[in-house]
Amino acid sequence: MSDCVRCGYCCKALLVVIVDNPDLGIRRDNLICYDGSSQCKHLVGDTPGEYSCAIHDREWCPKTPCAEYNSEEFVDTPCKLGEYIISKHKQSLK
């Protein structure tokens, strides 16, 4: 699995299934789908490379469809797309 670099892209632009209410955990009636028209409600932060997930530390988080999304062809390396997005963000600040 590639390592997330916290660029925010997946949480803002991808169709992803997430846990709606963190207090209820993973239950069939507690999953919602974002269609990429808005960012995930659990995304925290406003700078690529510094985003975090409000539910990432929950014990059930690794079992969610969101956490299972990865770039399997780049095992144990930083996410290539995320590195690109962060580098473009840094260039735009210059």
N, C-alpha and C. Protein backbone atom coordinates (compact mmCIF):
# COMPACT_ATOMS: atom_id res chain seq x y z
N MET A 1 0.84 -1.17 0.00
CA MET A 1 0.00 0.00 0.00
C MET A 1 0.89 1.24 0.00
N SER A 2 0.57 2.20 -0.82
CA SER A 2 1.33 3.45 -0.80
C SER A 2 0.97 4.25 0.44
N ASP A 3 1.89 5.06 0.89
CA ASP A 3 1.68 5.85 2.10
C ASP A 3 1.05 7.20 1.75
N CYS A 4 -0.04 7.53 2.43
CA CYS A 4 -0.72 8.80 2.23
C CYS A 4 0.20 9.94 2.65
N VAL A 5 0.26 10.99 1.83
CA VAL A 5 1.08 12.16 2.16
C VAL A 5 0.20 13.36 2.56
N ARG A 6 -1.08 13.08 2.78
CA ARG A 6 -2.02 14.09 3.29
C ARG A 6 -2.24 15.27 2.35
N CYS A 7 -2.35 14.98 1.04
CA CYS A 7 -2.58 16.06 0.09
C CYS A 7 -4.04 16.49 0.05
N GLY A 8 -4.97 15.62 0.46
CA GLY A 8 -6.38 15.95 0.48
C GLY A 8 -7.15 15.58 -0.76
N TYR A 9 -6.47 15.17 -1.82
CA TYR A 9 -7.15 14.90 -3.09
C TYR A 9 -8.22 13.82 -2.95
N CYS A 10 -7.87 12.68 -2.39
CA CYS A 10 -8.82 11.57 -2.29
C CYS A 10 -10.05 11.96 -1.49
N CYS A 11 -9.85 12.76 -0.46
CA CYS A 11 -10.94 13.18 0.42
C CYS A 11 -11.80 14.29 -0.18
N LYS A 12 -11.33 14.86 -1.27
CA LYS A 12 -12.07 15.95 -1.91
C LYS A 12 -12.66 15.58 -3.26
N ALA A 13 -12.03 14.68 -3.99
CA ALA A 13 -12.41 14.50 -5.38
C ALA A 13 -12.86 13.11 -5.77
N LEU A 14 -12.69 12.12 -4.93
CA LEU A 14 -13.02 10.76 -5.33
C LEU A 14 -14.36 10.30 -4.78
N LEU A 15 -14.98 9.39 -5.51
CA LEU A 15 -16.16 8.71 -5.01
C LEU A 15 -15.69 7.77 -3.91
N VAL A 16 -16.12 8.00 -2.70
CA VAL A 16 -15.62 7.22 -1.57
C VAL A 16 -16.75 6.95 -0.57
N VAL A 17 -16.73 5.75 -0.02
CA VAL A 17 -17.68 5.37 1.02
C VAL A 17 -17.01 5.58 2.37
N ILE A 18 -17.70 6.30 3.26
CA ILE A 18 -17.13 6.60 4.58
C ILE A 18 -18.15 6.32 5.68
N VAL A 19 -17.66 6.27 6.89
CA VAL A 19 -18.52 6.18 8.06
C VAL A 19 -19.11 7.56 8.32
N ASP A 20 -20.42 7.63 8.46
CA ASP A 20 -21.08 8.91 8.68
C ASP A 20 -20.88 9.40 10.10
N ASN A 21 -21.35 8.65 11.08
CA ASN A 21 -21.24 9.04 12.49
C ASN A 21 -20.15 8.19 13.14
N PRO A 22 -19.00 8.79 13.48
CA PRO A 22 -17.90 8.04 14.06
C PRO A 22 -18.25 7.29 15.34
N ASP A 23 -19.21 7.79 16.11
CA ASP A 23 -19.58 7.14 17.36
C ASP A 23 -20.30 5.81 17.13
N LEU A 24 -20.87 5.62 15.96
CA LEU A 24 -21.58 4.37 15.65
C LEU A 24 -20.67 3.34 15.00
N GLY A 25 -19.53 3.77 14.48
CA GLY A 25 -18.58 2.84 13.85
C GLY A 25 -19.08 2.30 12.53
N ILE A 26 -18.50 1.18 12.11
CA ILE A 26 -18.85 0.58 10.82
C ILE A 26 -20.12 -0.24 10.98
N ARG A 27 -21.18 0.26 10.37
CA ARG A 27 -22.45 -0.44 10.31
C ARG A 27 -23.05 -0.15 8.95
N ARG A 28 -23.78 -1.08 8.42
CA ARG A 28 -24.36 -0.91 7.08
C ARG A 28 -25.21 0.37 7.00
N ASP A 29 -25.93 0.70 8.06
CA ASP A 29 -26.78 1.89 8.04
C ASP A 29 -26.03 3.16 8.43
N ASN A 30 -24.70 3.08 8.57
CA ASN A 30 -23.90 4.23 8.97
C ASN A 30 -22.81 4.54 7.93
N LEU A 31 -23.01 4.09 6.72
CA LEU A 31 -22.06 4.38 5.64
C LEU A 31 -22.71 5.33 4.65
N ILE A 32 -21.96 6.31 4.23
CA ILE A 32 -22.45 7.26 3.22
C ILE A 32 -21.41 7.36 2.11
N CYS A 33 -21.85 7.86 0.99
CA CYS A 33 -20.97 7.96 -0.16
C CYS A 33 -20.82 9.42 -0.59
N TYR A 34 -19.58 9.85 -0.71
CA TYR A 34 -19.30 11.17 -1.28
C TYR A 34 -19.03 10.99 -2.76
N ASP A 35 -19.56 11.88 -3.56
CA ASP A 35 -19.43 11.74 -5.01
C ASP A 35 -18.35 12.62 -5.62
N GLY A 36 -17.54 13.27 -4.80
CA GLY A 36 -16.49 14.13 -5.31
C GLY A 36 -16.92 15.56 -5.53
N SER A 37 -18.18 15.88 -5.24
CA SER A 37 -18.64 17.26 -5.42
C SER A 37 -18.37 18.11 -4.18
N SER A 38 -17.97 17.45 -3.09
CA SER A 38 -17.60 18.16 -1.86
C SER A 38 -16.56 17.34 -1.14
N GLN A 39 -15.88 17.93 -0.20
CA GLN A 39 -14.86 17.17 0.53
C GLN A 39 -15.49 16.34 1.63
N CYS A 40 -14.80 15.32 2.03
CA CYS A 40 -15.25 14.47 3.12
C CYS A 40 -15.39 15.30 4.39
N LYS A 41 -16.45 15.06 5.11
CA LYS A 41 -16.71 15.87 6.31
C LYS A 41 -15.72 15.58 7.43
N HIS A 42 -14.94 14.53 7.31
CA HIS A 42 -13.95 14.20 8.33
C HIS A 42 -12.56 14.78 8.02
N LEU A 43 -12.42 15.43 6.87
CA LEU A 43 -11.14 16.03 6.49
C LEU A 43 -10.91 17.30 7.30
N VAL A 44 -9.72 17.41 7.89
CA VAL A 44 -9.38 18.55 8.73
C VAL A 44 -8.15 19.23 8.15
N GLY A 45 -8.18 20.54 8.05
CA GLY A 45 -7.04 21.30 7.56
C GLY A 45 -7.36 22.06 6.29
N ASP A 46 -6.38 22.84 5.84
CA ASP A 46 -6.60 23.63 4.63
C ASP A 46 -5.35 23.75 3.76
N THR A 47 -4.33 22.94 4.03
CA THR A 47 -3.09 23.01 3.27
C THR A 47 -2.67 21.61 2.80
N PRO A 48 -2.49 21.43 1.48
CA PRO A 48 -2.00 20.13 1.00
C PRO A 48 -0.71 19.73 1.72
N GLY A 49 -0.68 18.49 2.16
CA GLY A 49 0.47 17.98 2.90
C GLY A 49 0.29 18.08 4.40
N GLU A 50 -0.72 18.84 4.83
CA GLU A 50 -0.97 19.01 6.26
C GLU A 50 -2.38 18.60 6.67
N TYR A 51 -3.14 18.02 5.74
CA TYR A 51 -4.49 17.57 6.07
C TYR A 51 -4.43 16.39 7.04
N SER A 52 -5.51 16.19 7.75
CA SER A 52 -5.63 15.01 8.60
C SER A 52 -7.07 14.53 8.54
N CYS A 53 -7.30 13.35 9.06
CA CYS A 53 -8.63 12.75 9.09
C CYS A 53 -9.09 12.67 10.54
N ALA A 54 -10.26 13.20 10.80
CA ALA A 54 -10.79 13.23 12.17
C ALA A 54 -11.09 11.84 12.72
N ILE A 55 -11.23 10.84 11.84
CA ILE A 55 -11.55 9.49 12.32
C ILE A 55 -10.41 8.50 12.11
N HIS A 56 -9.28 8.97 11.65
CA HIS A 56 -8.17 8.09 11.31
C HIS A 56 -7.68 7.26 12.50
N ASP A 57 -7.77 7.75 13.70
CA ASP A 57 -7.27 7.05 14.87
C ASP A 57 -8.28 6.09 15.50
N ARG A 58 -9.49 6.01 14.95
CA ARG A 58 -10.48 5.08 15.49
C ARG A 58 -10.03 3.65 15.19
N GLU A 59 -10.28 2.73 16.12
CA GLU A 59 -9.79 1.35 15.97
C GLU A 59 -10.38 0.65 14.74
N TRP A 60 -11.54 1.07 14.28
CA TRP A 60 -12.17 0.43 13.13
C TRP A 60 -11.79 1.08 11.80
N CYS A 61 -11.10 2.19 11.82
CA CYS A 61 -10.79 2.92 10.59
C CYS A 61 -10.05 2.09 9.54
N PRO A 62 -9.06 1.27 9.89
CA PRO A 62 -8.38 0.48 8.85
C PRO A 62 -9.30 -0.49 8.10
N LYS A 63 -10.49 -0.75 8.64
CA LYS A 63 -11.42 -1.68 8.00
C LYS A 63 -12.41 -0.97 7.08
N THR A 64 -12.33 0.35 6.97
CA THR A 64 -13.28 1.09 6.14
C THR A 64 -12.89 1.04 4.67
N PRO A 65 -13.86 1.17 3.77
CA PRO A 65 -13.53 1.22 2.34
C PRO A 65 -12.57 2.36 2.01
N CYS A 66 -12.71 3.47 2.70
CA CYS A 66 -11.84 4.62 2.47
C CYS A 66 -10.39 4.27 2.77
N ALA A 67 -10.14 3.63 3.90
CA ALA A 67 -8.77 3.29 4.29
C ALA A 67 -8.17 2.21 3.39
N GLU A 68 -9.02 1.39 2.80
CA GLU A 68 -8.52 0.33 1.94
C GLU A 68 -8.14 0.81 0.55
N TYR A 69 -8.53 2.05 0.19
CA TYR A 69 -8.14 2.60 -1.10
C TYR A 69 -6.65 2.86 -1.07
N ASN A 70 -5.94 2.37 -2.09
CA ASN A 70 -4.50 2.60 -2.14
C ASN A 70 -3.97 2.34 -3.53
N SER A 71 -2.72 2.69 -3.73
CA SER A 71 -2.03 2.43 -4.98
C SER A 71 -1.15 1.20 -4.77
N GLU A 72 -1.67 0.04 -5.07
CA GLU A 72 -0.96 -1.20 -4.76
C GLU A 72 0.32 -1.38 -5.56
N GLU A 73 0.42 -0.72 -6.70
CA GLU A 73 1.63 -0.90 -7.50
C GLU A 73 2.84 -0.18 -6.90
N PHE A 74 2.60 0.70 -5.94
CA PHE A 74 3.69 1.42 -5.28
C PHE A 74 3.69 1.08 -3.79
N VAL A 75 4.01 -0.14 -3.45
CA VAL A 75 3.96 -0.61 -2.08
C VAL A 75 5.03 0.07 -1.22
N ASP A 76 4.60 0.54 -0.05
CA ASP A 76 5.50 1.16 0.94
C ASP A 76 6.30 2.34 0.40
N THR A 77 5.68 3.11 -0.46
CA THR A 77 6.28 4.35 -0.96
C THR A 77 5.25 5.47 -0.80
N PRO A 78 5.69 6.71 -0.75
CA PRO A 78 4.73 7.81 -0.67
C PRO A 78 3.82 7.84 -1.90
N CYS A 79 2.59 8.24 -1.71
CA CYS A 79 1.61 8.33 -2.79
C CYS A 79 2.14 9.27 -3.88
N LYS A 80 2.24 8.77 -5.09
CA LYS A 80 2.79 9.56 -6.20
C LYS A 80 1.90 10.74 -6.55
N LEU A 81 0.59 10.52 -6.59
CA LEU A 81 -0.33 11.62 -6.89
C LEU A 81 -0.24 12.69 -5.82
N GLY A 82 -0.21 12.28 -4.56
CA GLY A 82 -0.10 13.24 -3.47
C GLY A 82 1.17 14.06 -3.52
N GLU A 83 2.29 13.40 -3.83
CA GLU A 83 3.55 14.14 -3.95
C GLU A 83 3.46 15.18 -5.06
N TYR A 84 2.83 14.83 -6.17
CA TYR A 84 2.68 15.75 -7.29
C TYR A 84 1.81 16.96 -6.88
N ILE A 85 0.68 16.69 -6.22
CA ILE A 85 -0.21 17.77 -5.81
C ILE A 85 0.48 18.71 -4.83
N ILE A 86 1.22 18.17 -3.88
CA ILE A 86 1.92 19.00 -2.91
C ILE A 86 3.00 19.83 -3.60
N SER A 87 3.72 19.25 -4.55
CA SER A 87 4.76 20.01 -5.25
C SER A 87 4.15 21.15 -6.06
N LYS A 88 3.00 20.91 -6.69
CA LYS A 88 2.31 21.97 -7.45
C LYS A 88 1.81 23.07 -6.51
N HIS A 89 1.33 22.69 -5.34
CA HIS A 89 0.88 23.68 -4.36
C HIS A 89 2.04 24.56 -3.92
N LYS A 90 3.18 23.95 -3.65
CA LYS A 90 4.36 24.71 -3.22
C LYS A 90 4.82 25.66 -4.32
N GLN A 91 4.76 25.22 -5.57
CA GLN A 91 5.17 26.07 -6.70
C GLN A 91 4.22 27.27 -6.83
N SER A 92 2.94 27.05 -6.54
CA SER A 92 1.98 28.15 -6.66
C SER A 92 2.19 29.21 -5.58
N LEU A 93 2.87 28.86 -4.51
CA LEU A 93 3.13 29.82 -3.44
C LEU A 93 4.34 30.69 -3.71
N LYS A 94 5.15 30.29 -4.69
CA LYS A 94 6.37 31.06 -4.98
C LYS A 94 6.09 32.33 -5.72
